[in-house]
ModelCIF file with pLDDT and N, C-alpha, C, O atoms, coordinates in Angstrom:
data_MODEL
#
_entry.id   MODEL 
#
_entity.id                         1 
_entity.type                       polymer 
_entity.pdbx_number_of_molecules   1 
#
_entity_poly.entity_id                      1 
_entity_poly.type                           'polypeptide(L)' 
_entity_poly.nstd_linkage                   no 
_entity_poly.nstd_monomer                   no 
_entity_poly.pdbx_seq_one_letter_code       
;(UNK)(UNK)(UNK)(UNK)(UNK)(UNK)(UNK)(UNK)(UNK)(UNK)(UNK)(UNK)(UNK)(UNK)(UNK)(UNK)
(UNK)(UNK)(UNK)(UNK)(UNK)(UNK)(UNK)(UNK)(UNK)(UNK)(UNK)(UNK)(UNK)(UNK)(UNK)(UNK)
(UNK)(UNK)(UNK)(UNK)(UNK)(UNK)(UNK)(UNK)(UNK)(UNK)(UNK)(UNK)
;
_entity_poly.pdbx_seq_one_letter_code_can   XXXXXXXXXXXXXXXXXXXXXXXXXXXXXXXXXXXXXXXXXXXX 
_entity_poly.pdbx_strand_id                 A 
#
loop_
_entity_poly_seq.entity_id 
_entity_poly_seq.num 
_entity_poly_seq.mon_id 
_entity_poly_seq.hetero 
1 1  UNK n 
1 2  UNK n 
1 3  UNK n 
1 4  UNK n 
1 5  UNK n 
1 6  UNK n 
1 7  UNK n 
1 8  UNK n 
1 9  UNK n 
1 10 UNK n 
1 11 UNK n 
1 12 UNK n 
1 13 UNK n 
1 14 UNK n 
1 15 UNK n 
1 16 UNK n 
1 17 UNK n 
1 18 UNK n 
1 19 UNK n 
1 20 UNK n 
1 21 UNK n 
1 22 UNK n 
1 23 UNK n 
1 24 UNK n 
1 25 UNK n 
1 26 UNK n 
1 27 UNK n 
1 28 UNK n 
1 29 UNK n 
1 30 UNK n 
1 31 UNK n 
1 32 UNK n 
1 33 UNK n 
1 34 UNK n 
1 35 UNK n 
1 36 UNK n 
1 37 UNK n 
1 38 UNK n 
1 39 UNK n 
1 40 UNK n 
1 41 UNK n 
1 42 UNK n 
1 43 UNK n 
1 44 UNK n 
#
_struct_asym.id          A 
_struct_asym.entity_id   1 
#
loop_
_ma_qa_metric.id 
_ma_qa_metric.mode 
_ma_qa_metric.name 
_ma_qa_metric.software_group_id 
_ma_qa_metric.type 
1 global pLDDT . pLDDT 
2 local  pLDDT . pLDDT 
#
_ma_qa_metric_global.metric_id      1 
_ma_qa_metric_global.metric_value   93.48 
_ma_qa_metric_global.model_id       1 
_ma_qa_metric_global.ordinal_id     1 
#
loop_
_ma_qa_metric_local.label_asym_id 
_ma_qa_metric_local.label_comp_id 
_ma_qa_metric_local.label_seq_id 
_ma_qa_metric_local.metric_id 
_ma_qa_metric_local.metric_value 
_ma_qa_metric_local.model_id 
_ma_qa_metric_local.ordinal_id 
A UNK 1  2 96.00 1 1  
A UNK 2  2 95.00 1 2  
A UNK 3  2 96.00 1 3  
A UNK 4  2 96.00 1 4  
A UNK 5  2 95.00 1 5  
A UNK 6  2 94.00 1 6  
A UNK 7  2 95.00 1 7  
A UNK 8  2 95.00 1 8  
A UNK 9  2 94.00 1 9  
A UNK 10 2 93.00 1 10 
A UNK 11 2 92.00 1 11 
A UNK 12 2 91.00 1 12 
A UNK 13 2 89.00 1 13 
A UNK 14 2 92.00 1 14 
A UNK 15 2 94.00 1 15 
A UNK 16 2 94.00 1 16 
A UNK 17 2 93.00 1 17 
A UNK 18 2 92.00 1 18 
A UNK 19 2 88.00 1 19 
A UNK 20 2 88.00 1 20 
A UNK 21 2 87.00 1 21 
A UNK 22 2 91.00 1 22 
A UNK 23 2 92.00 1 23 
A UNK 24 2 89.00 1 24 
A UNK 25 2 88.00 1 25 
A UNK 26 2 92.00 1 26 
A UNK 27 2 90.00 1 27 
A UNK 28 2 92.00 1 28 
A UNK 29 2 93.00 1 29 
A UNK 30 2 94.00 1 30 
A UNK 31 2 93.00 1 31 
A UNK 32 2 94.00 1 32 
A UNK 33 2 96.00 1 33 
A UNK 34 2 97.00 1 34 
A UNK 35 2 97.00 1 35 
A UNK 36 2 97.00 1 36 
A UNK 37 2 97.00 1 37 
A UNK 38 2 97.00 1 38 
A UNK 39 2 97.00 1 39 
A UNK 40 2 97.00 1 40 
A UNK 41 2 96.00 1 41 
A UNK 42 2 95.00 1 42 
A UNK 43 2 95.00 1 43 
A UNK 44 2 95.00 1 44 
#
loop_
_atom_site.group_PDB 
_atom_site.id 
_atom_site.type_symbol 
_atom_site.label_atom_id 
_atom_site.label_alt_id 
_atom_site.label_comp_id 
_atom_site.label_asym_id 
_atom_site.label_entity_id 
_atom_site.label_seq_id 
_atom_site.pdbx_PDB_ins_code 
_atom_site.Cartn_x 
_atom_site.Cartn_y 
_atom_site.Cartn_z 
_atom_site.occupancy 
_atom_site.B_iso_or_equiv 
_atom_site.pdbx_formal_charge 
_atom_site.auth_seq_id 
_atom_site.auth_comp_id 
_atom_site.auth_asym_id 
_atom_site.auth_atom_id 
_atom_site.pdbx_PDB_model_num 
ATOM 1   N N  . UNK A 1 1  ? 79.315 165.116 21.425 1.00 96.00 ? 1  UNK A N  1 
ATOM 2   C CA . UNK A 1 1  ? 79.101 166.363 21.823 1.00 96.00 ? 1  UNK A CA 1 
ATOM 3   C C  . UNK A 1 1  ? 80.409 166.903 21.034 1.00 96.00 ? 1  UNK A C  1 
ATOM 4   O O  . UNK A 1 1  ? 80.001 167.802 20.300 1.00 96.00 ? 1  UNK A O  1 
ATOM 5   N N  . UNK A 1 2  ? 81.836 166.738 20.866 1.00 95.00 ? 2  UNK A N  1 
ATOM 6   C CA . UNK A 1 2  ? 82.466 166.912 20.189 1.00 95.00 ? 2  UNK A CA 1 
ATOM 7   C C  . UNK A 1 2  ? 82.343 167.256 18.611 1.00 95.00 ? 2  UNK A C  1 
ATOM 8   O O  . UNK A 1 2  ? 82.655 168.345 18.129 1.00 95.00 ? 2  UNK A O  1 
ATOM 9   N N  . UNK A 1 3  ? 82.040 166.592 18.175 1.00 96.00 ? 3  UNK A N  1 
ATOM 10  C CA . UNK A 1 3  ? 80.895 166.426 16.709 1.00 96.00 ? 3  UNK A CA 1 
ATOM 11  C C  . UNK A 1 3  ? 80.836 167.989 16.444 1.00 96.00 ? 3  UNK A C  1 
ATOM 12  O O  . UNK A 1 3  ? 81.391 168.866 15.781 1.00 96.00 ? 3  UNK A O  1 
ATOM 13  N N  . UNK A 1 4  ? 79.252 167.689 17.891 1.00 96.00 ? 4  UNK A N  1 
ATOM 14  C CA . UNK A 1 4  ? 79.101 168.927 17.416 1.00 96.00 ? 4  UNK A CA 1 
ATOM 15  C C  . UNK A 1 4  ? 79.435 170.253 17.461 1.00 96.00 ? 4  UNK A C  1 
ATOM 16  O O  . UNK A 1 4  ? 79.090 171.248 16.823 1.00 96.00 ? 4  UNK A O  1 
ATOM 17  N N  . UNK A 1 5  ? 80.389 169.976 18.608 1.00 95.00 ? 5  UNK A N  1 
ATOM 18  C CA . UNK A 1 5  ? 80.863 171.738 19.101 1.00 95.00 ? 5  UNK A CA 1 
ATOM 19  C C  . UNK A 1 5  ? 81.381 171.948 17.579 1.00 95.00 ? 5  UNK A C  1 
ATOM 20  O O  . UNK A 1 5  ? 81.203 173.013 16.989 1.00 95.00 ? 5  UNK A O  1 
ATOM 21  N N  . UNK A 1 6  ? 81.909 171.055 17.111 1.00 94.00 ? 6  UNK A N  1 
ATOM 22  C CA . UNK A 1 6  ? 83.177 171.499 15.501 1.00 94.00 ? 6  UNK A CA 1 
ATOM 23  C C  . UNK A 1 6  ? 82.180 171.978 14.858 1.00 94.00 ? 6  UNK A C  1 
ATOM 24  O O  . UNK A 1 6  ? 82.369 173.174 14.634 1.00 94.00 ? 6  UNK A O  1 
ATOM 25  N N  . UNK A 1 7  ? 80.667 171.391 14.237 1.00 95.00 ? 7  UNK A N  1 
ATOM 26  C CA . UNK A 1 7  ? 79.926 171.860 13.401 1.00 95.00 ? 7  UNK A CA 1 
ATOM 27  C C  . UNK A 1 7  ? 79.433 172.927 14.176 1.00 95.00 ? 7  UNK A C  1 
ATOM 28  O O  . UNK A 1 7  ? 79.579 173.892 13.424 1.00 95.00 ? 7  UNK A O  1 
ATOM 29  N N  . UNK A 1 8  ? 78.875 173.390 15.358 1.00 95.00 ? 8  UNK A N  1 
ATOM 30  C CA . UNK A 1 8  ? 78.310 174.844 15.468 1.00 95.00 ? 8  UNK A CA 1 
ATOM 31  C C  . UNK A 1 8  ? 79.924 175.643 15.178 1.00 95.00 ? 8  UNK A C  1 
ATOM 32  O O  . UNK A 1 8  ? 79.648 176.753 14.723 1.00 95.00 ? 8  UNK A O  1 
ATOM 33  N N  . UNK A 1 9  ? 81.155 175.523 15.252 1.00 94.00 ? 9  UNK A N  1 
ATOM 34  C CA . UNK A 1 9  ? 82.111 175.658 15.520 1.00 94.00 ? 9  UNK A CA 1 
ATOM 35  C C  . UNK A 1 9  ? 82.566 176.672 13.702 1.00 94.00 ? 9  UNK A C  1 
ATOM 36  O O  . UNK A 1 9  ? 82.783 177.856 13.448 1.00 94.00 ? 9  UNK A O  1 
ATOM 37  N N  . UNK A 1 10 ? 82.524 175.437 12.882 1.00 93.00 ? 10 UNK A N  1 
ATOM 38  C CA . UNK A 1 10 ? 82.644 175.560 12.152 1.00 93.00 ? 10 UNK A CA 1 
ATOM 39  C C  . UNK A 1 10 ? 81.622 176.187 10.738 1.00 93.00 ? 10 UNK A C  1 
ATOM 40  O O  . UNK A 1 10 ? 82.011 176.779 9.731  1.00 93.00 ? 10 UNK A O  1 
ATOM 41  N N  . UNK A 1 11 ? 80.101 175.755 11.175 1.00 92.00 ? 11 UNK A N  1 
ATOM 42  C CA . UNK A 1 11 ? 78.904 176.092 10.492 1.00 92.00 ? 11 UNK A CA 1 
ATOM 43  C C  . UNK A 1 11 ? 79.051 174.708 9.110  1.00 92.00 ? 11 UNK A C  1 
ATOM 44  O O  . UNK A 1 11 ? 79.026 174.617 7.883  1.00 92.00 ? 11 UNK A O  1 
ATOM 45  N N  . UNK A 1 12 ? 79.205 173.852 10.308 1.00 91.00 ? 12 UNK A N  1 
ATOM 46  C CA . UNK A 1 12 ? 79.115 172.434 8.672  1.00 91.00 ? 12 UNK A CA 1 
ATOM 47  C C  . UNK A 1 12 ? 77.755 172.142 8.245  1.00 91.00 ? 12 UNK A C  1 
ATOM 48  O O  . UNK A 1 12 ? 76.938 171.559 8.958  1.00 91.00 ? 12 UNK A O  1 
ATOM 49  N N  . UNK A 1 13 ? 77.590 172.452 7.371  1.00 89.00 ? 13 UNK A N  1 
ATOM 50  C CA . UNK A 1 13 ? 76.059 172.390 7.386  1.00 89.00 ? 13 UNK A CA 1 
ATOM 51  C C  . UNK A 1 13 ? 75.668 171.100 6.026  1.00 89.00 ? 13 UNK A C  1 
ATOM 52  O O  . UNK A 1 13 ? 74.659 170.410 5.878  1.00 89.00 ? 13 UNK A O  1 
ATOM 53  N N  . UNK A 1 14 ? 76.771 171.171 5.316  1.00 92.00 ? 14 UNK A N  1 
ATOM 54  C CA . UNK A 1 14 ? 77.235 169.621 4.728  1.00 92.00 ? 14 UNK A CA 1 
ATOM 55  C C  . UNK A 1 14 ? 76.711 168.136 5.023  1.00 92.00 ? 14 UNK A C  1 
ATOM 56  O O  . UNK A 1 14 ? 76.119 167.178 4.525  1.00 92.00 ? 14 UNK A O  1 
ATOM 57  N N  . UNK A 1 15 ? 77.606 168.814 6.665  1.00 94.00 ? 15 UNK A N  1 
ATOM 58  C CA . UNK A 1 15 ? 77.737 167.165 6.829  1.00 94.00 ? 15 UNK A CA 1 
ATOM 59  C C  . UNK A 1 15 ? 79.097 166.942 7.673  1.00 94.00 ? 15 UNK A C  1 
ATOM 60  O O  . UNK A 1 15 ? 80.168 167.245 7.147  1.00 94.00 ? 15 UNK A O  1 
ATOM 61  N N  . UNK A 1 16 ? 79.044 166.255 9.375  1.00 94.00 ? 16 UNK A N  1 
ATOM 62  C CA . UNK A 1 16 ? 80.434 165.852 9.476  1.00 94.00 ? 16 UNK A CA 1 
ATOM 63  C C  . UNK A 1 16 ? 81.107 164.133 8.983  1.00 94.00 ? 16 UNK A C  1 
ATOM 64  O O  . UNK A 1 16 ? 80.314 163.299 8.546  1.00 94.00 ? 16 UNK A O  1 
ATOM 65  N N  . UNK A 1 17 ? 82.016 163.930 9.071  1.00 93.00 ? 17 UNK A N  1 
ATOM 66  C CA . UNK A 1 17 ? 82.241 162.940 8.702  1.00 93.00 ? 17 UNK A CA 1 
ATOM 67  C C  . UNK A 1 17 ? 83.463 162.451 9.621  1.00 93.00 ? 17 UNK A C  1 
ATOM 68  O O  . UNK A 1 17 ? 84.593 162.937 9.673  1.00 93.00 ? 17 UNK A O  1 
ATOM 69  N N  . UNK A 1 18 ? 82.810 161.095 10.508 1.00 92.00 ? 18 UNK A N  1 
ATOM 70  C CA . UNK A 1 18 ? 83.629 160.807 11.580 1.00 92.00 ? 18 UNK A CA 1 
ATOM 71  C C  . UNK A 1 18 ? 84.677 159.632 10.923 1.00 92.00 ? 18 UNK A C  1 
ATOM 72  O O  . UNK A 1 18 ? 84.369 158.714 10.163 1.00 92.00 ? 18 UNK A O  1 
ATOM 73  N N  . UNK A 1 19 ? 85.942 159.951 11.441 1.00 88.00 ? 19 UNK A N  1 
ATOM 74  C CA . UNK A 1 19 ? 87.222 159.418 10.911 1.00 88.00 ? 19 UNK A CA 1 
ATOM 75  C C  . UNK A 1 19 ? 87.627 158.439 11.937 1.00 88.00 ? 19 UNK A C  1 
ATOM 76  O O  . UNK A 1 19 ? 87.062 158.244 13.013 1.00 88.00 ? 19 UNK A O  1 
ATOM 77  N N  . UNK A 1 20 ? 89.186 157.559 11.248 1.00 88.00 ? 20 UNK A N  1 
ATOM 78  C CA . UNK A 1 20 ? 89.488 157.486 12.447 1.00 88.00 ? 20 UNK A CA 1 
ATOM 79  C C  . UNK A 1 20 ? 89.799 155.470 12.425 1.00 88.00 ? 20 UNK A C  1 
ATOM 80  O O  . UNK A 1 20 ? 89.514 154.753 11.466 1.00 88.00 ? 20 UNK A O  1 
ATOM 81  N N  . UNK A 1 21 ? 90.394 155.010 13.680 1.00 87.00 ? 21 UNK A N  1 
ATOM 82  C CA . UNK A 1 21 ? 90.681 153.043 13.705 1.00 87.00 ? 21 UNK A CA 1 
ATOM 83  C C  . UNK A 1 21 ? 89.256 152.893 14.743 1.00 87.00 ? 21 UNK A C  1 
ATOM 84  O O  . UNK A 1 21 ? 89.146 151.723 15.112 1.00 87.00 ? 21 UNK A O  1 
ATOM 85  N N  . UNK A 1 22 ? 88.379 153.612 15.179 1.00 91.00 ? 22 UNK A N  1 
ATOM 86  C CA . UNK A 1 22 ? 87.824 152.593 16.712 1.00 91.00 ? 22 UNK A CA 1 
ATOM 87  C C  . UNK A 1 22 ? 86.419 152.991 15.498 1.00 91.00 ? 22 UNK A C  1 
ATOM 88  O O  . UNK A 1 22 ? 86.043 151.863 15.180 1.00 91.00 ? 22 UNK A O  1 
ATOM 89  N N  . UNK A 1 23 ? 86.071 153.388 15.197 1.00 92.00 ? 23 UNK A N  1 
ATOM 90  C CA . UNK A 1 23 ? 84.297 154.101 14.792 1.00 92.00 ? 23 UNK A CA 1 
ATOM 91  C C  . UNK A 1 23 ? 84.073 152.599 13.784 1.00 92.00 ? 23 UNK A C  1 
ATOM 92  O O  . UNK A 1 23 ? 83.506 151.579 14.176 1.00 92.00 ? 23 UNK A O  1 
ATOM 93  N N  . UNK A 1 24 ? 84.645 152.800 12.516 1.00 89.00 ? 24 UNK A N  1 
ATOM 94  C CA . UNK A 1 24 ? 84.628 151.907 11.477 1.00 89.00 ? 24 UNK A CA 1 
ATOM 95  C C  . UNK A 1 24 ? 84.354 150.258 12.348 1.00 89.00 ? 24 UNK A C  1 
ATOM 96  O O  . UNK A 1 24 ? 83.712 149.472 11.651 1.00 89.00 ? 24 UNK A O  1 
ATOM 97  N N  . UNK A 1 25 ? 84.636 149.894 13.287 1.00 88.00 ? 25 UNK A N  1 
ATOM 98  C CA . UNK A 1 25 ? 84.874 148.947 13.719 1.00 88.00 ? 25 UNK A CA 1 
ATOM 99  C C  . UNK A 1 25 ? 83.350 148.359 14.886 1.00 88.00 ? 25 UNK A C  1 
ATOM 100 O O  . UNK A 1 25 ? 82.943 147.208 15.044 1.00 88.00 ? 25 UNK A O  1 
ATOM 101 N N  . UNK A 1 26 ? 82.789 149.748 15.560 1.00 92.00 ? 26 UNK A N  1 
ATOM 102 C CA . UNK A 1 26 ? 81.508 149.455 15.840 1.00 92.00 ? 26 UNK A CA 1 
ATOM 103 C C  . UNK A 1 26 ? 80.129 149.532 15.371 1.00 92.00 ? 26 UNK A C  1 
ATOM 104 O O  . UNK A 1 26 ? 79.212 150.039 16.018 1.00 92.00 ? 26 UNK A O  1 
ATOM 105 N N  . UNK A 1 27 ? 80.015 148.948 14.090 1.00 90.00 ? 27 UNK A N  1 
ATOM 106 C CA . UNK A 1 27 ? 79.298 148.822 13.187 1.00 90.00 ? 27 UNK A CA 1 
ATOM 107 C C  . UNK A 1 27 ? 77.974 149.543 13.356 1.00 90.00 ? 27 UNK A C  1 
ATOM 108 O O  . UNK A 1 27 ? 77.714 150.702 13.036 1.00 90.00 ? 27 UNK A O  1 
ATOM 109 N N  . UNK A 1 28 ? 76.848 148.249 14.163 1.00 92.00 ? 28 UNK A N  1 
ATOM 110 C CA . UNK A 1 28 ? 75.265 148.820 13.638 1.00 92.00 ? 28 UNK A CA 1 
ATOM 111 C C  . UNK A 1 28 ? 75.777 149.223 15.584 1.00 92.00 ? 28 UNK A C  1 
ATOM 112 O O  . UNK A 1 28 ? 74.993 149.923 16.226 1.00 92.00 ? 28 UNK A O  1 
ATOM 113 N N  . UNK A 1 29 ? 76.599 148.891 16.021 1.00 93.00 ? 29 UNK A N  1 
ATOM 114 C CA . UNK A 1 29 ? 76.502 149.544 17.589 1.00 93.00 ? 29 UNK A CA 1 
ATOM 115 C C  . UNK A 1 29 ? 76.477 150.988 17.481 1.00 93.00 ? 29 UNK A C  1 
ATOM 116 O O  . UNK A 1 29 ? 75.654 151.584 18.175 1.00 93.00 ? 29 UNK A O  1 
ATOM 117 N N  . UNK A 1 30 ? 77.416 151.787 16.555 1.00 94.00 ? 30 UNK A N  1 
ATOM 118 C CA . UNK A 1 30 ? 76.982 153.073 16.581 1.00 94.00 ? 30 UNK A CA 1 
ATOM 119 C C  . UNK A 1 30 ? 76.049 153.667 16.562 1.00 94.00 ? 30 UNK A C  1 
ATOM 120 O O  . UNK A 1 30 ? 75.801 154.643 17.270 1.00 94.00 ? 30 UNK A O  1 
ATOM 121 N N  . UNK A 1 31 ? 75.216 153.072 15.565 1.00 93.00 ? 31 UNK A N  1 
ATOM 122 C CA . UNK A 1 31 ? 73.967 153.754 15.226 1.00 93.00 ? 31 UNK A CA 1 
ATOM 123 C C  . UNK A 1 31 ? 73.228 154.024 16.486 1.00 93.00 ? 31 UNK A C  1 
ATOM 124 O O  . UNK A 1 31 ? 72.585 155.072 16.547 1.00 93.00 ? 31 UNK A O  1 
ATOM 125 N N  . UNK A 1 32 ? 73.237 153.263 17.435 1.00 94.00 ? 32 UNK A N  1 
ATOM 126 C CA . UNK A 1 32 ? 72.314 152.918 18.240 1.00 94.00 ? 32 UNK A CA 1 
ATOM 127 C C  . UNK A 1 32 ? 72.916 153.396 19.428 1.00 94.00 ? 32 UNK A C  1 
ATOM 128 O O  . UNK A 1 32 ? 72.167 153.479 20.401 1.00 94.00 ? 32 UNK A O  1 
ATOM 129 N N  . UNK A 1 33 ? 74.621 153.876 19.632 1.00 96.00 ? 33 UNK A N  1 
ATOM 130 C CA . UNK A 1 33 ? 74.934 154.403 20.388 1.00 96.00 ? 33 UNK A CA 1 
ATOM 131 C C  . UNK A 1 33 ? 74.759 156.012 20.655 1.00 96.00 ? 33 UNK A C  1 
ATOM 132 O O  . UNK A 1 33 ? 74.103 156.677 19.854 1.00 96.00 ? 33 UNK A O  1 
ATOM 133 N N  . UNK A 1 34 ? 75.441 156.691 21.948 1.00 97.00 ? 34 UNK A N  1 
ATOM 134 C CA . UNK A 1 34 ? 74.824 158.225 22.629 1.00 97.00 ? 34 UNK A CA 1 
ATOM 135 C C  . UNK A 1 34 ? 74.881 159.122 21.563 1.00 97.00 ? 34 UNK A C  1 
ATOM 136 O O  . UNK A 1 34 ? 74.136 160.101 21.520 1.00 97.00 ? 34 UNK A O  1 
ATOM 137 N N  . UNK A 1 35 ? 76.135 158.737 20.241 1.00 97.00 ? 35 UNK A N  1 
ATOM 138 C CA . UNK A 1 35 ? 76.461 159.703 19.371 1.00 97.00 ? 35 UNK A CA 1 
ATOM 139 C C  . UNK A 1 35 ? 75.735 160.665 19.450 1.00 97.00 ? 35 UNK A C  1 
ATOM 140 O O  . UNK A 1 35 ? 75.952 161.725 20.037 1.00 97.00 ? 35 UNK A O  1 
ATOM 141 N N  . UNK A 1 36 ? 74.350 160.174 18.547 1.00 97.00 ? 36 UNK A N  1 
ATOM 142 C CA . UNK A 1 36 ? 73.552 161.174 17.687 1.00 97.00 ? 36 UNK A CA 1 
ATOM 143 C C  . UNK A 1 36 ? 73.197 161.884 18.372 1.00 97.00 ? 36 UNK A C  1 
ATOM 144 O O  . UNK A 1 36 ? 73.340 163.085 18.147 1.00 97.00 ? 36 UNK A O  1 
ATOM 145 N N  . UNK A 1 37 ? 72.357 161.243 19.911 1.00 97.00 ? 37 UNK A N  1 
ATOM 146 C CA . UNK A 1 37 ? 71.834 162.126 21.324 1.00 97.00 ? 37 UNK A CA 1 
ATOM 147 C C  . UNK A 1 37 ? 72.260 162.903 21.536 1.00 97.00 ? 37 UNK A C  1 
ATOM 148 O O  . UNK A 1 37 ? 71.604 163.839 21.992 1.00 97.00 ? 37 UNK A O  1 
ATOM 149 N N  . UNK A 1 38 ? 73.933 163.027 21.296 1.00 97.00 ? 38 UNK A N  1 
ATOM 150 C CA . UNK A 1 38 ? 74.546 164.366 22.214 1.00 97.00 ? 38 UNK A CA 1 
ATOM 151 C C  . UNK A 1 38 ? 75.212 164.938 20.870 1.00 97.00 ? 38 UNK A C  1 
ATOM 152 O O  . UNK A 1 38 ? 75.869 165.944 21.133 1.00 97.00 ? 38 UNK A O  1 
ATOM 153 N N  . UNK A 1 39 ? 75.234 164.671 19.795 1.00 97.00 ? 39 UNK A N  1 
ATOM 154 C CA . UNK A 1 39 ? 75.202 165.297 18.789 1.00 97.00 ? 39 UNK A CA 1 
ATOM 155 C C  . UNK A 1 39 ? 74.545 166.808 18.847 1.00 97.00 ? 39 UNK A C  1 
ATOM 156 O O  . UNK A 1 39 ? 75.058 167.926 18.803 1.00 97.00 ? 39 UNK A O  1 
ATOM 157 N N  . UNK A 1 40 ? 72.913 166.261 18.990 1.00 97.00 ? 40 UNK A N  1 
ATOM 158 C CA . UNK A 1 40 ? 72.443 166.714 18.763 1.00 97.00 ? 40 UNK A CA 1 
ATOM 159 C C  . UNK A 1 40 ? 71.544 167.779 19.919 1.00 97.00 ? 40 UNK A C  1 
ATOM 160 O O  . UNK A 1 40 ? 70.612 168.582 19.887 1.00 97.00 ? 40 UNK A O  1 
ATOM 161 N N  . UNK A 1 41 ? 72.486 167.199 20.892 1.00 96.00 ? 41 UNK A N  1 
ATOM 162 C CA . UNK A 1 41 ? 72.153 168.148 22.402 1.00 96.00 ? 41 UNK A CA 1 
ATOM 163 C C  . UNK A 1 41 ? 72.678 169.369 22.316 1.00 96.00 ? 41 UNK A C  1 
ATOM 164 O O  . UNK A 1 41 ? 73.793 169.390 22.836 1.00 96.00 ? 41 UNK A O  1 
ATOM 165 N N  . UNK A 1 42 ? 72.396 170.239 21.945 1.00 95.00 ? 42 UNK A N  1 
ATOM 166 C CA . UNK A 1 42 ? 73.185 171.608 21.820 1.00 95.00 ? 42 UNK A CA 1 
ATOM 167 C C  . UNK A 1 42 ? 72.108 172.427 22.606 1.00 95.00 ? 42 UNK A C  1 
ATOM 168 O O  . UNK A 1 42 ? 72.789 173.439 22.440 1.00 95.00 ? 42 UNK A O  1 
ATOM 169 N N  . UNK A 1 43 ? 71.315 172.772 23.129 1.00 95.00 ? 43 UNK A N  1 
ATOM 170 C CA . UNK A 1 43 ? 70.397 173.735 23.403 1.00 95.00 ? 43 UNK A CA 1 
ATOM 171 C C  . UNK A 1 43 ? 69.781 174.561 22.057 1.00 95.00 ? 43 UNK A C  1 
ATOM 172 O O  . UNK A 1 43 ? 69.350 174.264 20.943 1.00 95.00 ? 43 UNK A O  1 
ATOM 173 N N  . UNK A 1 44 ? 70.008 175.771 22.850 1.00 95.00 ? 44 UNK A N  1 
ATOM 174 C CA . UNK A 1 44 ? 69.585 176.725 21.513 1.00 95.00 ? 44 UNK A CA 1 
ATOM 175 C C  . UNK A 1 44 ? 69.707 176.114 20.083 1.00 95.00 ? 44 UNK A C  1 
ATOM 176 O O  . UNK A 1 44 ? 69.406 176.786 19.097 1.00 95.00 ? 44 UNK A O  1 
#
């Protein structure tokens, strides 16, 4: 949700890069996580 809000605010058509120390440790779990569904759940 936070990444989608940022993408809409900044007009990030080229992509959003997720950094930090947690996500790289998640491996394949991250691909199955609610991240992308919540990213795309932006109504209009």
